[in-house]
C-alpha atoms as a PDB file:
ATOM      1  CA  UNK A   1      31.343  44.757 -43.103  1.00  0.00           C
ATOM      2  CA  UNK A   2      30.588  45.365 -38.958  1.00  0.00           C
ATOM      3  CA  UNK A   3      33.354  45.088 -36.824  1.00  0.00           C
ATOM      4  CA  UNK A   4      32.706  41.642 -34.973  1.00  0.00           C
ATOM      5  CA  UNK A   5      35.109  42.766 -31.997  1.00  0.00           C
ATOM      6  CA  UNK A   6      32.795  45.743 -31.772  1.00  0.00           C
ATOM      7  CA  UNK A   7      29.320  43.041 -31.359  1.00  0.00           C
ATOM      8  CA  UNK A   8      31.249  40.385 -29.529  1.00  0.00           C
ATOM      9  CA  UNK A   9      31.392  41.510 -26.107  1.00  0.00           C
ATOM     10  CA  UNK A  10      27.560  42.693 -26.558  1.00  0.00           C
ATOM     11  CA  UNK A  11      26.963  39.107 -28.081  1.00  0.00           C
ATOM     12  CA  UNK A  12      28.419  37.616 -24.656  1.00  0.00           C
ATOM     13  CA  UNK A  13      26.484  39.536 -22.317  1.00  0.00           C
ATOM     14  CA  UNK A  14      23.191  38.655 -23.990  1.00  0.00           C
ATOM     15  CA  UNK A  15      24.041  34.874 -23.435  1.00  0.00           C
ATOM     16  CA  UNK A  16      24.983  35.683 -20.272  1.00  0.00           C
ATOM     17  CA  UNK A  17      21.452  37.262 -19.525  1.00  0.00           C
ATOM     18  CA  UNK A  18      19.772  34.303 -21.529  1.00  0.00           C
ATOM     19  CA  UNK A  19      21.516  31.769 -19.290  1.00  0.00           C
ATOM     20  CA  UNK A  20      20.301  34.213 -15.839  1.00  0.00           C
ATOM     21  CA  UNK A  21      16.379  34.092 -17.523  1.00  0.00           C
ATOM     22  CA  UNK A  22      16.904  30.515 -18.161  1.00  0.00           C
ATOM     23  CA  UNK A  23      18.041  30.030 -14.939  1.00  0.00           C
ATOM     24  CA  UNK A  24      15.552  32.438 -12.996  1.00  0.00           C
ATOM     25  CA  UNK A  25      12.406  32.112 -15.161  1.00  0.00           C
ATOM     26  CA  UNK A  26      12.148  28.507 -17.248  1.00  0.00           C
ATOM     27  CA  UNK A  27      13.559  25.830 -14.484  1.00  0.00           C
ATOM     28  CA  UNK A  28      11.196  27.165 -11.930  1.00  0.00           C
ATOM     29  CA  UNK A  29       8.284  26.306 -13.975  1.00  0.00           C
ATOM     30  CA  UNK A  30       9.933  23.119 -15.417  1.00  0.00           C
ATOM     31  CA  UNK A  31      10.058  22.110 -11.234  1.00  0.00           C
ATOM     32  CA  UNK A  32       6.714  23.404  -9.984  1.00  0.00           C
ATOM     33  CA  UNK A  33       5.443  21.594 -13.621  1.00  0.00           C
ATOM     34  CA  UNK A  34       7.029  18.108 -11.696  1.00  0.00           C
ATOM     35  CA  UNK A  35       5.451  19.353  -8.446  1.00  0.00           C
ATOM     36  CA  UNK A  36       1.858  19.427  -9.773  1.00  0.00           C
ATOM     37  CA  UNK A  37       2.046  16.275 -11.456  1.00  0.00           C
ATOM     38  CA  UNK A  38       3.413  15.086  -8.471  1.00  0.00           C
ATOM     39  CA  UNK A  39       0.842  16.711  -5.978  1.00  0.00           C
ATOM     40  CA  UNK A  40      -1.946  15.506  -8.468  1.00  0.00           C
ATOM     41  CA  UNK A  41      -0.757  11.288  -7.701  1.00  0.00           C
ATOM     42  CA  UNK A  42      -1.199  12.065  -4.540  1.00  0.00           C
ATOM     43  CA  UNK A  43      -4.210  13.230  -4.842  1.00  0.00           C
ATOM     44  CA  UNK A  44      -5.568  10.589  -6.465  1.00  0.00           C
ATOM     45  CA  UNK A  45      -3.798   7.921  -4.599  1.00  0.00           C
ATOM     46  CA  UNK A  46      -5.936   9.343  -1.738  1.00  0.00           C
ATOM     47  CA  UNK A  47      -8.625   9.795  -3.594  1.00  0.00           C
ATOM     48  CA  UNK A  48      -9.381   6.240  -4.858  1.00  0.00           C
ATOM     49  CA  UNK A  49      -7.898   4.987  -0.474  1.00  0.00           C
ATOM     50  CA  UNK A  50     -11.324   6.959   0.519  1.00  0.00           C
ATOM     51  CA  UNK A  51     -13.489   5.391  -2.186  1.00  0.00           C
ATOM     52  CA  UNK A  52     -12.027   2.129  -0.856  1.00  0.00           C
ATOM     53  CA  UNK A  53     -13.046   3.029   2.919  1.00  0.00           C
ATOM     54  CA  UNK A  54     -16.542   4.140   1.736  1.00  0.00           C
ATOM     55  CA  UNK A  55     -16.809   0.546   0.024  1.00  0.00           C
ATOM     56  CA  UNK A  56     -15.573  -0.795   3.030  1.00  0.00           C
ATOM     57  CA  UNK A  57     -17.977   0.748   5.492  1.00  0.00           C
ATOM     58  CA  UNK A  58     -20.998   0.270   3.052  1.00  0.00           C
ATOM     59  CA  UNK A  59     -20.319  -3.665   2.910  1.00  0.00           C
ATOM     60  CA  UNK A  60     -19.623  -4.484   6.160  1.00  0.00           C
ATOM     61  CA  UNK A  61     -21.667  -4.862   9.439  1.00  0.00           C
ATOM     62  CA  UNK A  62     -23.870  -2.088  10.571  1.00  0.00           C
ATOM     63  CA  UNK A  63     -22.936  -2.647  14.036  1.00  0.00           C
ATOM     64  CA  UNK A  64     -19.837  -4.267  15.034  1.00  0.00           C
ATOM     65  CA  UNK A  65     -19.934  -6.382  18.201  1.00  0.00           C
ATOM     66  CA  UNK A  66     -16.599  -6.815  20.051  1.00  0.00           C
ATOM     67  CA  UNK A  67     -15.849  -9.700  21.199  1.00  0.00           C
ATOM     68  CA  UNK A  68     -16.540 -10.615  24.813  1.00  0.00           C
ATOM     69  CA  UNK A  69     -14.178 -11.574  27.597  1.00  0.00           C
ATOM     70  CA  UNK A  70     -13.917 -15.312  28.138  1.00  0.00           C
ATOM     71  CA  UNK A  71     -12.351 -16.159  31.631  1.00  0.00           C
ATOM     72  CA  UNK A  72     -11.965 -19.965  32.143  1.00  0.00           C
ATOM     73  CA  UNK A  73     -14.157 -22.111  33.563  1.00  0.00           C
ATOM     74  CA  UNK A  74     -14.669 -25.039  36.311  1.00  0.00           C
ATOM     75  CA  UNK A  75     -12.505 -27.829  35.145  1.00  0.00           C
ATOM     76  CA  UNK A  76     -14.968 -30.396  33.659  1.00  0.00           C
ATOM     77  CA  UNK A  77     -15.352 -34.025  34.911  1.00  0.00           C
ATOM     78  CA  UNK A  78     -14.874 -36.915  32.639  1.00  0.00           C
ATOM     79  CA  UNK A  79     -17.830 -37.950  32.794  1.00  0.00           C
ATOM     80  CA  UNK A  80     -19.722 -34.917  31.213  1.00  0.00           C
ATOM     81  CA  UNK A  81     -18.084 -35.775  28.217  1.00  0.00           C
ATOM     82  CA  UNK A  82     -19.829 -37.046  24.908  1.00  0.00           C
ATOM     83  CA  UNK A  83     -17.836 -38.787  22.182  1.00  0.00           C
ATOM     84  CA  UNK A  84     -18.748 -37.174  18.833  1.00  0.00           C
ATOM     85  CA  UNK A  85     -18.004 -38.664  15.199  1.00  0.00           C
ATOM     86  CA  UNK A  86     -15.563 -36.674  13.085  1.00  0.00           C
ATOM     87  CA  UNK A  87     -16.109 -37.466   8.682  1.00  0.00           C
ATOM     88  CA  UNK A  88     -11.932 -38.577   8.220  1.00  0.00           C
ATOM     89  CA  UNK A  89     -10.364 -40.976   9.877  1.00  0.00           C
ATOM     90  CA  UNK A  90      -8.547 -40.720  13.253  1.00  0.00           C
ATOM     91  CA  UNK A  91      -6.667 -42.682  16.215  1.00  0.00           C
ATOM     92  CA  UNK A  92      -7.471 -40.641  18.668  1.00  0.00           C
ATOM     93  CA  UNK A  93     -11.091 -40.107  20.083  1.00  0.00           C
ATOM     94  CA  UNK A  94     -12.797 -36.971  20.469  1.00  0.00           C
ATOM     95  CA  UNK A  95     -14.985 -35.636  22.998  1.00  0.00           C
ATOM     96  CA  UNK A  96     -17.415 -32.857  24.396  1.00  0.00           C
ATOM     97  CA  UNK A  97     -18.290 -31.077  27.207  1.00  0.00           C
ATOM     98  CA  UNK A  98     -22.357 -30.478  26.514  1.00  0.00           C
ATOM     99  CA  UNK A  99     -22.535 -28.564  29.771  1.00  0.00           C
ATOM    100  CA  UNK A 100     -20.383 -25.866  29.282  1.00  0.00           C
ATOM    101  CA  UNK A 101     -21.818 -24.837  26.374  1.00  0.00           C
ATOM    102  CA  UNK A 102     -22.965 -21.008  25.621  1.00  0.00           C
ATOM    103  CA  UNK A 103     -23.945 -18.316  23.392  1.00  0.00           C
ATOM    104  CA  UNK A 104     -22.535 -14.880  23.929  1.00  0.00           C
ATOM    105  CA  UNK A 105     -24.229 -11.623  23.060  1.00  0.00           C
ATOM    106  CA  UNK A 106     -20.904 -11.943  20.910  1.00  0.00           C
ATOM    107  CA  UNK A 107     -22.381 -14.661  18.460  1.00  0.00           C
ATOM    108  CA  UNK A 108     -19.217 -16.933  19.860  1.00  0.00           C
ATOM    109  CA  UNK A 109     -19.880 -20.654  20.636  1.00  0.00           C
ATOM    110  CA  UNK A 110     -17.764 -21.707  24.043  1.00  0.00           C
ATOM    111  CA  UNK A 111     -17.884 -24.898  24.692  1.00  0.00           C
ATOM    112  CA  UNK A 112     -14.730 -27.761  26.375  1.00  0.00           C
ATOM    113  CA  UNK A 113     -13.810 -30.142  23.949  1.00  0.00           C
ATOM    114  CA  UNK A 114     -11.242 -33.674  25.255  1.00  0.00           C
ATOM    115  CA  UNK A 115      -9.655 -35.480  22.929  1.00  0.00           C
ATOM    116  CA  UNK A 116      -8.510 -38.874  24.243  1.00  0.00           C
ATOM    117  CA  UNK A 117      -5.329 -41.120  22.736  1.00  0.00           C
ATOM    118  CA  UNK A 118      -5.527 -44.212  21.664  1.00  0.00           C
ATOM    119  CA  UNK A 119      -2.900 -45.173  24.799  1.00  0.00           C
ATOM    120  CA  UNK A 120      -6.015 -43.769  26.682  1.00  0.00           C
ATOM    121  CA  UNK A 121      -3.909 -40.260  27.647  1.00  0.00           C
ATOM    122  CA  UNK A 122      -6.749 -36.607  27.776  1.00  0.00           C
ATOM    123  CA  UNK A 123      -5.549 -33.726  26.542  1.00  0.00           C
ATOM    124  CA  UNK A 124      -8.753 -31.290  26.780  1.00  0.00           C
ATOM    125  CA  UNK A 125      -9.274 -27.363  25.644  1.00  0.00           C
ATOM    126  CA  UNK A 126     -11.803 -24.323  26.484  1.00  0.00           C
ATOM    127  CA  UNK A 127     -12.653 -22.666  22.917  1.00  0.00           C
ATOM    128  CA  UNK A 128     -14.826 -20.503  20.949  1.00  0.00           C
ATOM    129  CA  UNK A 129     -16.223 -21.029  17.807  1.00  0.00           C
ATOM    130  CA  UNK A 130     -17.234 -18.160  15.037  1.00  0.00           C
ATOM    131  CA  UNK A 131     -19.911 -19.519  12.504  1.00  0.00           C
ATOM    132  CA  UNK A 132     -20.009 -16.709  10.089  1.00  0.00           C
ATOM    133  CA  UNK A 133     -16.371 -17.337   9.766  1.00  0.00           C
ATOM    134  CA  UNK A 134     -15.349 -20.939  10.783  1.00  0.00           C
ATOM    135  CA  UNK A 135     -12.432 -19.798  12.745  1.00  0.00           C
ATOM    136  CA  UNK A 136     -11.769 -21.253  16.071  1.00  0.00           C
ATOM    137  CA  UNK A 137     -10.339 -19.821  19.314  1.00  0.00           C
ATOM    138  CA  UNK A 138      -8.268 -21.769  21.990  1.00  0.00           C
ATOM    139  CA  UNK A 139      -8.754 -19.907  25.565  1.00  0.00           C
ATOM    140  CA  UNK A 140      -7.376 -22.450  27.164  1.00  0.00           C
ATOM    141  CA  UNK A 141      -5.659 -26.223  27.759  1.00  0.00           C
ATOM    142  CA  UNK A 142      -5.040 -28.890  30.175  1.00  0.00           C
ATOM    143  CA  UNK A 143      -2.734 -32.029  30.370  1.00  0.00           C
ATOM    144  CA  UNK A 144      -6.280 -34.125  31.480  1.00  0.00           C
ATOM    145  CA  UNK A 145      -8.916 -33.809  34.511  1.00  0.00           C
ATOM    146  CA  UNK A 146      -6.525 -34.139  37.395  1.00  0.00           C
ATOM    147  CA  UNK A 147      -4.914 -30.398  36.478  1.00  0.00           C
ATOM    148  CA  UNK A 148      -5.730 -27.022  36.109  1.00  0.00           C
ATOM    149  CA  UNK A 149      -6.221 -25.037  33.449  1.00  0.00           C
ATOM    150  CA  UNK A 150      -3.528 -23.199  31.836  1.00  0.00           C
ATOM    151  CA  UNK A 151      -4.571 -20.020  29.681  1.00  0.00           C
ATOM    152  CA  UNK A 152      -3.394 -19.713  26.226  1.00  0.00           C
ATOM    153  CA  UNK A 153      -1.485 -16.135  25.960  1.00  0.00           C
ATOM    154  CA  UNK A 154      -1.110 -16.641  21.785  1.00  0.00           C
ATOM    155  CA  UNK A 155      -4.638 -16.893  21.243  1.00  0.00           C
ATOM    156  CA  UNK A 156      -5.794 -16.091  18.232  1.00  0.00           C
ATOM    157  CA  UNK A 157      -8.535 -16.982  15.704  1.00  0.00           C
ATOM    158  CA  UNK A 158      -7.764 -19.941  13.028  1.00  0.00           C
ATOM    159  CA  UNK A 159      -9.906 -21.209  10.533  1.00  0.00           C
ATOM    160  CA  UNK A 160     -10.996 -24.207  11.623  1.00  0.00           C
ATOM    161  CA  UNK A 161     -10.249 -26.002   7.547  1.00  0.00           C
ATOM    162  CA  UNK A 162      -6.768 -25.943   8.469  1.00  0.00           C
ATOM    163  CA  UNK A 163      -7.186 -27.669  12.091  1.00  0.00           C
ATOM    164  CA  UNK A 164      -5.169 -30.922  12.101  1.00  0.00           C
ATOM    165  CA  UNK A 165      -6.470 -34.655  13.617  1.00  0.00           C
ATOM    166  CA  UNK A 166      -8.334 -34.168  10.028  1.00  0.00           C
ATOM    167  CA  UNK A 167     -10.585 -31.430  10.305  1.00  0.00           C
ATOM    168  CA  UNK A 168     -12.404 -32.615  13.519  1.00  0.00           C
ATOM    169  CA  UNK A 169     -12.854 -28.526  14.420  1.00  0.00           C
ATOM    170  CA  UNK A 170     -14.198 -27.894  10.729  1.00  0.00           C
ATOM    171  CA  UNK A 171     -16.608 -30.572  11.311  1.00  0.00           C
ATOM    172  CA  UNK A 172     -17.731 -29.554  14.634  1.00  0.00           C
ATOM    173  CA  UNK A 173     -18.594 -26.323  14.027  1.00  0.00           C
ATOM    174  CA  UNK A 174     -19.802 -27.522  10.338  1.00  0.00           C
ATOM    175  CA  UNK A 175     -21.894 -30.509  11.561  1.00  0.00           C
ATOM    176  CA  UNK A 176     -22.311 -29.698  15.314  1.00  0.00           C
ATOM    177  CA  UNK A 177     -22.361 -26.030  16.532  1.00  0.00           C
ATOM    178  CA  UNK A 178     -23.365 -23.981  13.260  1.00  0.00           C
ATOM    179  CA  UNK A 179     -26.276 -23.857  10.276  1.00  0.00           C
ATOM    180  CA  UNK A 180     -28.960 -23.344  13.307  1.00  0.00           C
ATOM    181  CA  UNK A 181     -31.458 -21.465  12.874  1.00  0.00           C
ATOM    182  CA  UNK A 182     -31.507 -18.249  15.527  1.00  0.00           C
ATOM    183  CA  UNK A 183     -34.497 -19.944  17.586  1.00  0.00           C
ATOM    184  CA  UNK A 184     -33.877 -22.174  19.897  1.00  0.00           C
ATOM    185  CA  UNK A 185     -29.922 -22.125  18.428  1.00  0.00           C
ATOM    186  CA  UNK A 186     -28.914 -23.756  22.002  1.00  0.00           C
ATOM    187  CA  UNK A 187     -31.037 -26.350  22.539  1.00  0.00           C
ATOM    188  CA  UNK A 188     -30.777 -27.860  19.027  1.00  0.00           C
ATOM    189  CA  UNK A 189     -27.229 -27.695  18.806  1.00  0.00           C
ATOM    190  CA  UNK A 190     -27.148 -29.628  22.512  1.00  0.00           C
ATOM    191  CA  UNK A 191     -28.884 -32.328  20.644  1.00  0.00           C
ATOM    192  CA  UNK A 192     -26.827 -32.447  18.076  1.00  0.00           C
ATOM    193  CA  UNK A 193     -23.614 -32.709  20.466  1.00  0.00           C
ATOM    194  CA  UNK A 194     -25.222 -35.117  22.637  1.00  0.00           C
ATOM    195  CA  UNK A 195     -26.842 -37.244  19.562  1.00  0.00           C
ATOM    196  CA  UNK A 196     -22.765 -37.162  18.674  1.00  0.00           C
ATOM    197  CA  UNK A 197     -23.218 -38.419  15.201  1.00  0.00           C
ATOM    198  CA  UNK A 198     -22.600 -36.455  11.735  1.00  0.00           C
ATOM    199  CA  UNK A 199     -26.022 -34.521  10.210  1.00  0.00           C
ATOM    200  CA  UNK A 200     -24.365 -34.575   6.908  1.00  0.00           C
ATOM    201  CA  UNK A 201     -27.703 -35.319   4.366  1.00  0.00           C
ATOM    202  CA  UNK A 202     -28.797 -32.093   6.064  1.00  0.00           C
ATOM    203  CA  UNK A 203     -25.822 -30.033   5.384  1.00  0.00           C
ATOM    204  CA  UNK A 204     -25.229 -30.991   1.574  1.00  0.00           C
ATOM    205  CA  UNK A 205     -24.256 -27.933  -0.610  1.00  0.00           C
ATOM    206  CA  UNK A 206     -23.001 -26.135   1.916  1.00  0.00           C
END
């Protein structure tokens, strides 16, 4: 029978060599495989991001028009304001200054608006409307015709569907400013505002 004492040191040395081999050869392979998986995940995420960007560019308009500067106009005169009808019920009355109406090259419709409370107090705003998204933006405000415009420094585009006073801005956009053909657009909008009546029958299904 072989002497166990003679093989014990050899077995110990062999065990140490196997451990070193495992540490130097096997572990790096394991970690490298993990990194490869991680790189693959990053690569897949990058690929999905690029695809999403290409789809976004494909469906985006060919030419994006930057919004033009909107300097505040001169203070409007009270006699220039015409009342316009809204679909909801409100104790206030709503008016528009047709003479301030303009359509910029950026597609934004800008005009001065007025609201008069039951007590006769006026509040004026100078606003812009986008028909493609039914959003509005308040550029300036005033507490009556005897005051000056006050620039709205927190001005931002907001959905007109969430406007107050029974969606008065949404009605203004839907029934007066938008859904107009590209020809004689300014003339048609002016006609609607001067008439001051909702043309709901011509706007069904929208």
